[in-house]
PDB file of N, CA and C in Angstrom:
ATOM      1  N   MET A   1     192.514  49.558 179.313  1.00  0.00           N
ATOM      2  CA  MET A   1     192.131  49.136 177.977  1.00  0.00           C
ATOM      3  C   MET A   1     190.792  48.414 178.052  1.00  0.00           C
ATOM      4  N   TYR A   2     190.049  48.541 176.977  1.00  0.00           N
ATOM      5  CA  TYR A   2     188.768  47.853 176.876  1.00  0.00           C
ATOM      6  C   TYR A   2     188.896  46.855 175.736  1.00  0.00           C
ATOM      7  N   ARG A   3     188.307  45.674 175.912  1.00  0.00           N
ATOM      8  CA  ARG A   3     188.477  44.665 174.871  1.00  0.00           C
ATOM      9  C   ARG A   3     187.214  43.863 174.664  1.00  0.00           C
ATOM     10  N   VAL A   4     187.177  43.265 173.490  1.00  0.00           N
ATOM     11  CA  VAL A   4     186.191  42.238 173.202  1.00  0.00           C
ATOM     12  C   VAL A   4     186.986  40.967 172.927  1.00  0.00           C
ATOM     13  N   SER A   5     186.578  39.890 173.587  1.00  0.00           N
ATOM     14  CA  SER A   5     187.159  38.573 173.334  1.00  0.00           C
ATOM     15  C   SER A   5     186.134  37.782 172.547  1.00  0.00           C
ATOM     16  N   VAL A   6     186.549  37.264 171.412  1.00  0.00           N
ATOM     17  CA  VAL A   6     185.668  36.438 170.593  1.00  0.00           C
ATOM     18  C   VAL A   6     186.129  34.998 170.764  1.00  0.00           C
ATOM     19  N   LEU A   7     185.256  34.172 171.351  1.00  0.00           N
ATOM     20  CA  LEU A   7     185.568  32.765 171.579  1.00  0.00           C
ATOM     21  C   LEU A   7     184.878  31.954 170.496  1.00  0.00           C
ATOM     22  N   TYR A   8     185.664  31.379 169.612  1.00  0.00           N
ATOM     23  CA  TYR A   8     185.133  30.573 168.521  1.00  0.00           C
ATOM     24  C   TYR A   8     185.090  29.114 168.952  1.00  0.00           C
ATOM     25  N   GLY A   9     183.931  28.483 168.789  1.00  0.00           N
ATOM     26  CA  GLY A   9     183.803  27.064 169.074  1.00  0.00           C
ATOM     27  C   GLY A   9     184.496  26.236 168.002  1.00  0.00           C
ATOM     28  N   THR A  10     184.724  24.971 168.303  1.00  0.00           N
ATOM     29  CA  THR A  10     185.399  24.090 167.353  1.00  0.00           C
ATOM     30  C   THR A  10     184.595  23.988 166.066  1.00  0.00           C
ATOM     31  N   PRO A  11     185.192  24.349 164.937  1.00  0.00           N
ATOM     32  CA  PRO A  11     184.475  24.332 163.664  1.00  0.00           C
ATOM     33  C   PRO A  11     184.320  22.918 163.117  1.00  0.00           C
ATOM     34  N   THR A  12     183.388  22.763 162.193  1.00  0.00           N
ATOM     35  CA  THR A  12     183.192  21.454 161.572  1.00  0.00           C
ATOM     36  C   THR A  12     184.387  21.069 160.706  1.00  0.00           C
ATOM     37  N   ASP A  13     185.061  22.050 160.127  1.00  0.00           N
ATOM     38  CA  ASP A  13     186.247  21.809 159.303  1.00  0.00           C
ATOM     39  C   ASP A  13     187.354  22.773 159.756  1.00  0.00           C
ATOM     40  N   PRO A  14     188.181  22.345 160.717  1.00  0.00           N
ATOM     41  CA  PRO A  14     189.209  23.243 161.247  1.00  0.00           C
ATOM     42  C   PRO A  14     190.162  23.811 160.190  1.00  0.00           C
ATOM     43  N   ALA A  15     190.547  23.016 159.214  1.00  0.00           N
ATOM     44  CA  ALA A  15     191.471  23.510 158.186  1.00  0.00           C
ATOM     45  C   ALA A  15     190.824  24.633 157.373  1.00  0.00           C
ATOM     46  N   GLU A  16     189.559  24.479 157.044  1.00  0.00           N
ATOM     47  CA  GLU A  16     188.854  25.525 156.288  1.00  0.00           C
ATOM     48  C   GLU A  16     188.649  26.767 157.149  1.00  0.00           C
ATOM     49  N   PHE A  17     188.350  26.576 158.429  1.00  0.00           N
ATOM     50  CA  PHE A  17     188.238  27.714 159.351  1.00  0.00           C
ATOM     51  C   PHE A  17     189.546  28.494 159.359  1.00  0.00           C
ATOM     52  N   ASP A  18     190.665  27.808 159.541  1.00  0.00           N
ATOM     53  CA  ASP A  18     191.972  28.468 159.595  1.00  0.00           C
ATOM     54  C   ASP A  18     192.262  29.221 158.297  1.00  0.00           C
ATOM     55  N   ARG A  19     191.999  28.574 157.169  1.00  0.00           N
ATOM     56  CA  ARG A  19     192.234  29.209 155.868  1.00  0.00           C
ATOM     57  C   ARG A  19     191.397  30.473 155.734  1.00  0.00           C
ATOM     58  N   TYR A  20     190.106  30.353 156.006  1.00  0.00           N
ATOM     59  CA  TYR A  20     189.205  31.491 155.845  1.00  0.00           C
ATOM     60  C   TYR A  20     189.591  32.609 156.807  1.00  0.00           C
ATOM     61  N   TYR A  21     189.867  32.270 158.052  1.00  0.00           N
ATOM     62  CA  TYR A  21     190.205  33.293 159.045  1.00  0.00           C
ATOM     63  C   TYR A  21     191.437  34.079 158.605  1.00  0.00           C
ATOM     64  N   GLU A  22     192.476  33.369 158.192  1.00  0.00           N
ATOM     65  CA  GLU A  22     193.732  34.023 157.809  1.00  0.00           C
ATOM     66  C   GLU A  22     193.621  34.787 156.489  1.00  0.00           C
ATOM     67  N   GLN A  23     192.986  34.177 155.491  1.00  0.00           N
ATOM     68  CA  GLN A  23     192.997  34.752 154.151  1.00  0.00           C
ATOM     69  C   GLN A  23     191.840  35.700 153.861  1.00  0.00           C
ATOM     70  N   VAL A  24     190.726  35.556 154.575  1.00  0.00           N
ATOM     71  CA  VAL A  24     189.548  36.380 154.289  1.00  0.00           C
ATOM     72  C   VAL A  24     189.181  37.274 155.475  1.00  0.00           C
ATOM     73  N   HIS A  25     188.985  36.667 156.650  1.00  0.00           N
ATOM     74  CA  HIS A  25     188.480  37.449 157.779  1.00  0.00           C
ATOM     75  C   HIS A  25     189.482  38.487 158.288  1.00  0.00           C
ATOM     76  N   ILE A  26     190.723  38.108 158.461  1.00  0.00           N
ATOM     77  CA  ILE A  26     191.711  39.075 158.951  1.00  0.00           C
ATOM     78  C   ILE A  26     191.802  40.291 158.027  1.00  0.00           C
ATOM     79  N   PRO A  27     191.905  40.117 156.699  1.00  0.00           N
ATOM     80  CA  PRO A  27     191.936  41.312 155.848  1.00  0.00           C
ATOM     81  C   PRO A  27     190.679  42.185 155.973  1.00  0.00           C
ATOM     82  N   ILE A  28     189.513  41.571 156.148  1.00  0.00           N
ATOM     83  CA  ILE A  28     188.291  42.357 156.346  1.00  0.00           C
ATOM     84  C   ILE A  28     188.374  43.111 157.670  1.00  0.00           C
ATOM     85  N   ALA A  29     188.730  42.409 158.741  1.00  0.00           N
ATOM     86  CA  ALA A  29     188.754  43.016 160.073  1.00  0.00           C
ATOM     87  C   ALA A  29     189.867  44.055 160.217  1.00  0.00           C
ATOM     88  N   LYS A  30     190.946  43.910 159.466  1.00  0.00           N
ATOM     89  CA  LYS A  30     192.034  44.891 159.530  1.00  0.00           C
ATOM     90  C   LYS A  30     191.602  46.264 159.028  1.00  0.00           C
ATOM     91  N   GLN A  31     190.483  46.331 158.343  1.00  0.00           N
ATOM     92  CA  GLN A  31     189.973  47.612 157.855  1.00  0.00           C
ATOM     93  C   GLN A  31     189.423  48.474 158.992  1.00  0.00           C
ATOM     94  N   MET A  32     189.146  47.851 160.146  1.00  0.00           N
ATOM     95  CA  MET A  32     188.654  48.617 161.292  1.00  0.00           C
ATOM     96  C   MET A  32     189.768  49.530 161.787  1.00  0.00           C
ATOM     97  N   ARG A  33     189.485  50.803 161.918  1.00  0.00           N
ATOM     98  CA  ARG A  33     190.479  51.771 162.374  1.00  0.00           C
ATOM     99  C   ARG A  33     190.261  52.095 163.846  1.00  0.00           C
ATOM    100  N   GLY A  34     191.365  52.181 164.594  1.00  0.00           N
ATOM    101  CA  GLY A  34     191.285  52.578 165.988  1.00  0.00           C
ATOM    102  C   GLY A  34     191.648  51.493 166.978  1.00  0.00           C
ATOM    103  N   LEU A  35     191.749  50.240 166.519  1.00  0.00           N
ATOM    104  CA  LEU A  35     192.185  49.186 167.434  1.00  0.00           C
ATOM    105  C   LEU A  35     193.635  49.443 167.826  1.00  0.00           C
ATOM    106  N   VAL A  36     193.967  49.149 169.079  1.00  0.00           N
ATOM    107  CA  VAL A  36     195.346  49.343 169.531  1.00  0.00           C
ATOM    108  C   VAL A  36     196.090  48.017 169.705  1.00  0.00           C
ATOM    109  N   ARG A  37     195.344  46.922 169.662  1.00  0.00           N
ATOM    110  CA  ARG A  37     195.972  45.608 169.822  1.00  0.00           C
ATOM    111  C   ARG A  37     194.986  44.549 169.354  1.00  0.00           C
ATOM    112  N   TRP A  38     195.540  43.437 168.837  1.00  0.00           N
ATOM    113  CA  TRP A  38     194.706  42.318 168.401  1.00  0.00           C
ATOM    114  C   TRP A  38     195.550  41.069 168.596  1.00  0.00           C
ATOM    115  N   THR A  39     195.099  40.164 169.429  1.00  0.00           N
ATOM    116  CA  THR A  39     195.842  38.927 169.669  1.00  0.00           C
ATOM    117  C   THR A  39     194.960  37.724 169.362  1.00  0.00           C
ATOM    118  N   LEU A  40     195.604  36.629 169.017  1.00  0.00           N
ATOM    119  CA  LEU A  40     194.924  35.361 168.758  1.00  0.00           C
ATOM    120  C   LEU A  40     195.537  34.288 169.644  1.00  0.00           C
ATOM    121  N   THR A  41     194.686  33.462 170.236  1.00  0.00           N
ATOM    122  CA  THR A  41     195.143  32.351 171.068  1.00  0.00           C
ATOM    123  C   THR A  41     194.427  31.090 170.623  1.00  0.00           C
ATOM    124  N   LYS A  42     195.199  30.039 170.335  1.00  0.00           N
ATOM    125  CA  LYS A  42     194.627  28.717 170.085  1.00  0.00           C
ATOM    126  C   LYS A  42     194.887  27.894 171.341  1.00  0.00           C
ATOM    127  N   PRO A  43     193.845  27.625 172.128  1.00  0.00           N
ATOM    128  CA  PRO A  43     194.041  26.866 173.363  1.00  0.00           C
ATOM    129  C   PRO A  43     194.615  25.476 173.077  1.00  0.00           C
ATOM    130  N   ASP A  44     195.576  25.061 173.903  1.00  0.00           N
ATOM    131  CA  ASP A  44     196.090  23.703 173.762  1.00  0.00           C
ATOM    132  C   ASP A  44     195.582  22.782 174.865  1.00  0.00           C
ATOM    133  N   ARG A  45     194.862  23.354 175.833  1.00  0.00           N
ATOM    134  CA  ARG A  45     194.157  22.543 176.825  1.00  0.00           C
ATOM    135  C   ARG A  45     193.078  23.414 177.450  1.00  0.00           C
ATOM    136  N   GLN A  46     192.036  22.761 177.912  1.00  0.00           N
ATOM    137  CA  GLN A  46     190.908  23.493 178.473  1.00  0.00           C
ATOM    138  C   GLN A  46     190.318  22.718 179.635  1.00  0.00           C
ATOM    139  N   GLN A  47     189.779  23.463 180.574  1.00  0.00           N
ATOM    140  CA  GLN A  47     189.063  22.872 181.701  1.00  0.00           C
ATOM    141  C   GLN A  47     187.834  23.727 181.955  1.00  0.00           C
ATOM    142  N   GLY A  48     186.746  23.093 182.320  1.00  0.00           N
ATOM    143  CA  GLY A  48     185.554  23.850 182.670  1.00  0.00           C
ATOM    144  C   GLY A  48     184.463  23.777 181.629  1.00  0.00           C
ATOM    145  N   GLU A  49     183.541  24.725 181.729  1.00  0.00           N
ATOM    146  CA  GLU A  49     182.329  24.717 180.922  1.00  0.00           C
ATOM    147  C   GLU A  49     182.574  24.889 179.429  1.00  0.00           C
ATOM    148  N   LEU A  50     183.520  25.714 179.033  1.00  0.00           N
ATOM    149  CA  LEU A  50     183.746  26.023 177.625  1.00  0.00           C
ATOM    150  C   LEU A  50     184.852  25.151 177.046  1.00  0.00           C
ATOM    151  N   GLU A  51     184.604  23.872 176.969  1.00  0.00           N
ATOM    152  CA  GLU A  51     185.670  22.960 176.561  1.00  0.00           C
ATOM    153  C   GLU A  51     185.845  22.819 175.061  1.00  0.00           C
ATOM    154  N   ASP A  52     185.044  23.532 174.265  1.00  0.00           N
ATOM    155  CA  ASP A  52     185.210  23.388 172.821  1.00  0.00           C
ATOM    156  C   ASP A  52     185.714  24.671 172.166  1.00  0.00           C
ATOM    157  N   VAL A  53     186.417  25.507 172.910  1.00  0.00           N
ATOM    158  CA  VAL A  53     186.938  26.749 172.339  1.00  0.00           C
ATOM    159  C   VAL A  53     188.117  26.418 171.424  1.00  0.00           C
ATOM    160  N   TYR A  54     188.006  26.836 170.167  1.00  0.00           N
ATOM    161  CA  TYR A  54     189.017  26.554 169.159  1.00  0.00           C
ATOM    162  C   TYR A  54     190.003  27.715 169.004  1.00  0.00           C
ATOM    163  N   LEU A  55     189.463  28.941 169.084  1.00  0.00           N
ATOM    164  CA  LEU A  55     190.289  30.128 168.902  1.00  0.00           C
ATOM    165  C   LEU A  55     189.705  31.268 169.728  1.00  0.00           C
ATOM    166  N   ILE A  56     190.591  32.071 170.312  1.00  0.00           N
ATOM    167  CA  ILE A  56     190.176  33.278 171.028  1.00  0.00           C
ATOM    168  C   ILE A  56     190.847  34.465 170.349  1.00  0.00           C
ATOM    169  N   ALA A  57     190.030  35.406 169.910  1.00  0.00           N
ATOM    170  CA  ALA A  57     190.535  36.649 169.325  1.00  0.00           C
ATOM    171  C   ALA A  57     190.236  37.776 170.304  1.00  0.00           C
ATOM    172  N   ASP A  58     191.256  38.505 170.710  1.00  0.00           N
ATOM    173  CA  ASP A  58     191.097  39.642 171.617  1.00  0.00           C
ATOM    174  C   ASP A  58     191.407  40.918 170.848  1.00  0.00           C
ATOM    175  N   LEU A  59     190.426  41.819 170.793  1.00  0.00           N
ATOM    176  CA  LEU A  59     190.582  43.099 170.116  1.00  0.00           C
ATOM    177  C   LEU A  59     190.476  44.202 171.157  1.00  0.00           C
ATOM    178  N   TYR A  60     191.428  45.126 171.137  1.00  0.00           N
ATOM    179  CA  TYR A  60     191.555  46.139 172.183  1.00  0.00           C
ATOM    180  C   TYR A  60     191.388  47.557 171.635  1.00  0.00           C
ATOM    181  N   ALA A  61     190.781  48.404 172.460  1.00  0.00           N
ATOM    182  CA  ALA A  61     190.734  49.847 172.232  1.00  0.00           C
ATOM    183  C   ALA A  61     191.032  50.520 173.568  1.00  0.00           C
ATOM    184  N   GLU A  62     191.282  51.800 173.534  1.00  0.00           N
ATOM    185  CA  GLU A  62     191.594  52.516 174.776  1.00  0.00           C
ATOM    186  C   GLU A  62     190.397  52.575 175.720  1.00  0.00           C
ATOM    187  N   THR A  63     189.182  52.769 175.168  1.00  0.00           N
ATOM    188  CA  THR A  63     187.987  52.915 176.002  1.00  0.00           C
ATOM    189  C   THR A  63     186.827  52.113 175.423  1.00  0.00           C
ATOM    190  N   LYS A  64     185.810  51.898 176.238  1.00  0.00           N
ATOM    191  CA  LYS A  64     184.588  51.227 175.793  1.00  0.00           C
ATOM    192  C   LYS A  64     183.955  52.004 174.647  1.00  0.00           C
ATOM    193  N   GLU A  65     183.911  53.315 174.787  1.00  0.00           N
ATOM    194  CA  GLU A  65     183.298  54.152 173.757  1.00  0.00           C
ATOM    195  C   GLU A  65     184.035  54.031 172.426  1.00  0.00           C
ATOM    196  N   GLN A  66     185.356  53.959 172.488  1.00  0.00           N
ATOM    197  CA  GLN A  66     186.133  53.802 171.260  1.00  0.00           C
ATOM    198  C   GLN A  66     185.873  52.447 170.619  1.00  0.00           C
ATOM    199  N   LEU A  67     185.835  51.380 171.424  1.00  0.00           N
ATOM    200  CA  LEU A  67     185.571  50.063 170.862  1.00  0.00           C
ATOM    201  C   LEU A  67     184.162  50.001 170.282  1.00  0.00           C
ATOM    202  N   ASP A  68     183.195  50.567 170.990  1.00  0.00           N
ATOM    203  CA  ASP A  68     181.826  50.596 170.470  1.00  0.00           C
ATOM    204  C   ASP A  68     181.774  51.308 169.119  1.00  0.00           C
ATOM    205  N   ALA A  69     182.483  52.421 168.997  1.00  0.00           N
ATOM    206  CA  ALA A  69     182.499  53.170 167.737  1.00  0.00           C
ATOM    207  C   ALA A  69     183.176  52.376 166.624  1.00  0.00           C
ATOM    208  N   ILE A  70     184.258  51.686 166.954  1.00  0.00           N
ATOM    209  CA  ILE A  70     184.960  50.858 165.970  1.00  0.00           C
ATOM    210  C   ILE A  70     184.031  49.762 165.460  1.00  0.00           C
ATOM    211  N   LEU A  71     183.358  49.077 166.372  1.00  0.00           N
ATOM    212  CA  LEU A  71     182.481  47.969 165.987  1.00  0.00           C
ATOM    213  C   LEU A  71     181.231  48.452 165.265  1.00  0.00           C
ATOM    214  N   ALA A  72     180.789  49.680 165.540  1.00  0.00           N
ATOM    215  CA  ALA A  72     179.598  50.230 164.887  1.00  0.00           C
ATOM    216  C   ALA A  72     179.902  50.817 163.509  1.00  0.00           C
ATOM    217  N   SER A  73     181.171  51.006 163.202  1.00  0.00           N
ATOM    218  CA  SER A  73     181.561  51.568 161.907  1.00  0.00           C
ATOM    219  C   SER A  73     181.206  50.591 160.789  1.00  0.00           C
ATOM    220  N   PRO A  74     181.124  51.059 159.540  1.00  0.00           N
ATOM    221  CA  PRO A  74     180.870  50.134 158.426  1.00  0.00           C
ATOM    222  C   PRO A  74     181.879  48.984 158.374  1.00  0.00           C
ATOM    223  N   GLU A  75     183.142  49.281 158.680  1.00  0.00           N
ATOM    224  CA  GLU A  75     184.177  48.237 158.672  1.00  0.00           C
ATOM    225  C   GLU A  75     183.958  47.237 159.800  1.00  0.00           C
ATOM    226  N   GLY A  76     183.558  47.728 160.966  1.00  0.00           N
ATOM    227  CA  GLY A  76     183.257  46.846 162.091  1.00  0.00           C
ATOM    228  C   GLY A  76     182.053  45.970 161.811  1.00  0.00           C
ATOM    229  N   GLN A  77     181.041  46.542 161.183  1.00  0.00           N
ATOM    230  CA  GLN A  77     179.850  45.773 160.829  1.00  0.00           C
ATOM    231  C   GLN A  77     180.179  44.703 159.796  1.00  0.00           C
ATOM    232  N   ALA A  78     181.033  45.035 158.832  1.00  0.00           N
ATOM    233  CA  ALA A  78     181.436  44.053 157.822  1.00  0.00           C
ATOM    234  C   ALA A  78     182.174  42.888 158.471  1.00  0.00           C
ATOM    235  N   ALA A  79     183.052  43.186 159.425  1.00  0.00           N
ATOM    236  CA  ALA A  79     183.783  42.123 160.122  1.00  0.00           C
ATOM    237  C   ALA A  79     182.829  41.260 160.931  1.00  0.00           C
ATOM    238  N   ALA A  80     181.879  41.886 161.626  1.00  0.00           N
ATOM    239  CA  ALA A  80     180.917  41.127 162.432  1.00  0.00           C
ATOM    240  C   ALA A  80     180.042  40.243 161.554  1.00  0.00           C
ATOM    241  N   GLU A  81     179.591  40.772 160.432  1.00  0.00           N
ATOM    242  CA  GLU A  81     178.751  39.988 159.521  1.00  0.00           C
ATOM    243  C   GLU A  81     179.522  38.827 158.913  1.00  0.00           C
ATOM    244  N   ASP A  82     180.817  38.988 158.726  1.00  0.00           N
ATOM    245  CA  ASP A  82     181.637  37.935 158.137  1.00  0.00           C
ATOM    246  C   ASP A  82     181.758  36.724 159.048  1.00  0.00           C
ATOM    247  N   VAL A  83     181.646  36.913 160.357  1.00  0.00           N
ATOM    248  CA  VAL A  83     181.803  35.811 161.313  1.00  0.00           C
ATOM    249  C   VAL A  83     180.853  34.661 160.990  1.00  0.00           C
ATOM    250  N   ALA A  84     179.625  34.961 160.619  1.00  0.00           N
ATOM    251  CA  ALA A  84     178.643  33.910 160.321  1.00  0.00           C
ATOM    252  C   ALA A  84     179.047  33.052 159.125  1.00  0.00           C
ATOM    253  N   LYS A  85     179.936  33.541 158.295  1.00  0.00           N
ATOM    254  CA  LYS A  85     180.344  32.812 157.092  1.00  0.00           C
ATOM    255  C   LYS A  85     181.350  31.700 157.370  1.00  0.00           C
ATOM    256  N   PHE A  86     182.001  31.736 158.534  1.00  0.00           N
ATOM    257  CA  PHE A  86     183.027  30.721 158.788  1.00  0.00           C
ATOM    258  C   PHE A  86     182.968  30.100 160.179  1.00  0.00           C
ATOM    259  N   ALA A  87     182.264  30.707 161.119  1.00  0.00           N
ATOM    260  CA  ALA A  87     182.256  30.233 162.511  1.00  0.00           C
ATOM    261  C   ALA A  87     181.206  29.143 162.697  1.00  0.00           C
ATOM    262  N   THR A  88     181.447  27.991 162.086  1.00  0.00           N
ATOM    263  CA  THR A  88     180.478  26.889 162.143  1.00  0.00           C
ATOM    264  C   THR A  88     180.334  26.307 163.544  1.00  0.00           C
ATOM    265  N   GLY A  89     181.300  26.564 164.412  1.00  0.00           N
ATOM    266  CA  GLY A  89     181.220  26.116 165.804  1.00  0.00           C
ATOM    267  C   GLY A  89     180.639  27.175 166.725  1.00  0.00           C
ATOM    268  N   GLY A  90     180.183  28.284 166.146  1.00  0.00           N
ATOM    269  CA  GLY A  90     179.623  29.376 166.929  1.00  0.00           C
ATOM    270  C   GLY A  90     180.690  30.347 167.388  1.00  0.00           C
ATOM    271  N   ALA A  91     180.226  31.505 167.839  1.00  0.00           N
ATOM    272  CA  ALA A  91     181.136  32.536 168.344  1.00  0.00           C
ATOM    273  C   ALA A  91     180.452  33.259 169.495  1.00  0.00           C
ATOM    274  N   THR A  92     181.178  33.420 170.589  1.00  0.00           N
ATOM    275  CA  THR A  92     180.687  34.141 171.761  1.00  0.00           C
ATOM    276  C   THR A  92     181.535  35.390 171.933  1.00  0.00           C
ATOM    277  N   PHE A  93     180.877  36.538 172.079  1.00  0.00           N
ATOM    278  CA  PHE A  93     181.563  37.815 172.241  1.00  0.00           C
ATOM    279  C   PHE A  93     181.478  38.228 173.703  1.00  0.00           C
ATOM    280  N   VAL A  94     182.632  38.479 174.329  1.00  0.00           N
ATOM    281  CA  VAL A  94     182.699  38.870 175.738  1.00  0.00           C
ATOM    282  C   VAL A  94     183.400  40.228 175.806  1.00  0.00           C
ATOM    283  N   TYR A  95     182.725  41.209 176.408  1.00  0.00           N
ATOM    284  CA  TYR A  95     183.234  42.580 176.468  1.00  0.00           C
ATOM    285  C   TYR A  95     183.630  42.938 177.893  1.00  0.00           C
ATOM    286  N   GLY A  96     184.702  43.716 178.054  1.00  0.00           N
ATOM    287  CA  GLY A  96     185.046  44.148 179.399  1.00  0.00           C
ATOM    288  C   GLY A  96     186.274  45.025 179.472  1.00  0.00           C
ATOM    289  N   GLN A  97     186.375  45.685 180.610  1.00  0.00           N
ATOM    290  CA  GLN A  97     187.525  46.537 180.912  1.00  0.00           C
ATOM    291  C   GLN A  97     188.654  45.650 181.416  1.00  0.00           C
ATOM    292  N   GLU A  98     189.807  45.764 180.814  1.00  0.00           N
ATOM    293  CA  GLU A  98     190.958  44.983 181.252  1.00  0.00           C
ATOM    294  C   GLU A  98     191.684  45.746 182.358  1.00  0.00           C
ATOM    295  N   ARG A  99     192.120  45.009 183.356  1.00  0.00           N
ATOM    296  CA  ARG A  99     192.883  45.584 184.470  1.00  0.00           C
ATOM    297  C   ARG A  99     194.110  44.727 184.687  1.00  0.00           C
ATOM    298  N   GLU A 100     195.251  45.351 184.742  1.00  0.00           N
ATOM    299  CA  GLU A 100     196.497  44.629 184.962  1.00  0.00           C
ATOM    300  C   GLU A 100     196.769  44.516 186.452  1.00  0.00           C
ATOM    301  N   VAL A 101     197.191  43.335 186.886  1.00  0.00           N
ATOM    302  CA  VAL A 101     197.511  43.072 188.286  1.00  0.00           C
ATOM    303  C   VAL A 101     199.018  43.225 188.471  1.00  0.00           C
ATOM    304  N   GLU A 102     199.414  44.005 189.458  1.00  0.00           N
ATOM    305  CA  GLU A 102     200.837  44.172 189.771  1.00  0.00           C
ATOM    306  C   GLU A 102     201.365  42.876 190.379  1.00  0.00           C
ATOM    307  N   LEU A 103     202.500  42.403 189.910  1.00  0.00           N
ATOM    308  CA  LEU A 103     203.073  41.152 190.394  1.00  0.00           C
ATOM    309  C   LEU A 103     204.069  41.351 191.526  1.00  0.00           C
ATOM    310  N   THR A 104     204.380  42.554 191.872  1.00  0.00           N
ATOM    311  CA  THR A 104     205.335  42.779 192.959  1.00  0.00           C
ATOM    312  C   THR A 104     204.622  43.238 194.207  1.00  0.00           C
TER     313      THR A 104
END
């Protein structure tokens, strides 16, 4: 699987960020077709350089090419443009191929 992780910095108004993300951004981003998974993580503790991460959104596609096409679509562009409207703490986009490690 290929994914983009969006790391949102701590917003100036966390309650407004949460409201906007749930009520406005998710419906816009749900218009993107082809994603196979979308997860959200609110860190409850952090260590290291990125200590102000408020929310991590992971969006998955089967391949890099598929994710690139999803993000380049009009719906993907609308979702990307919407980020500037609520991400007052900034947003960092990290792209990569996911690999699962066998535990046995």
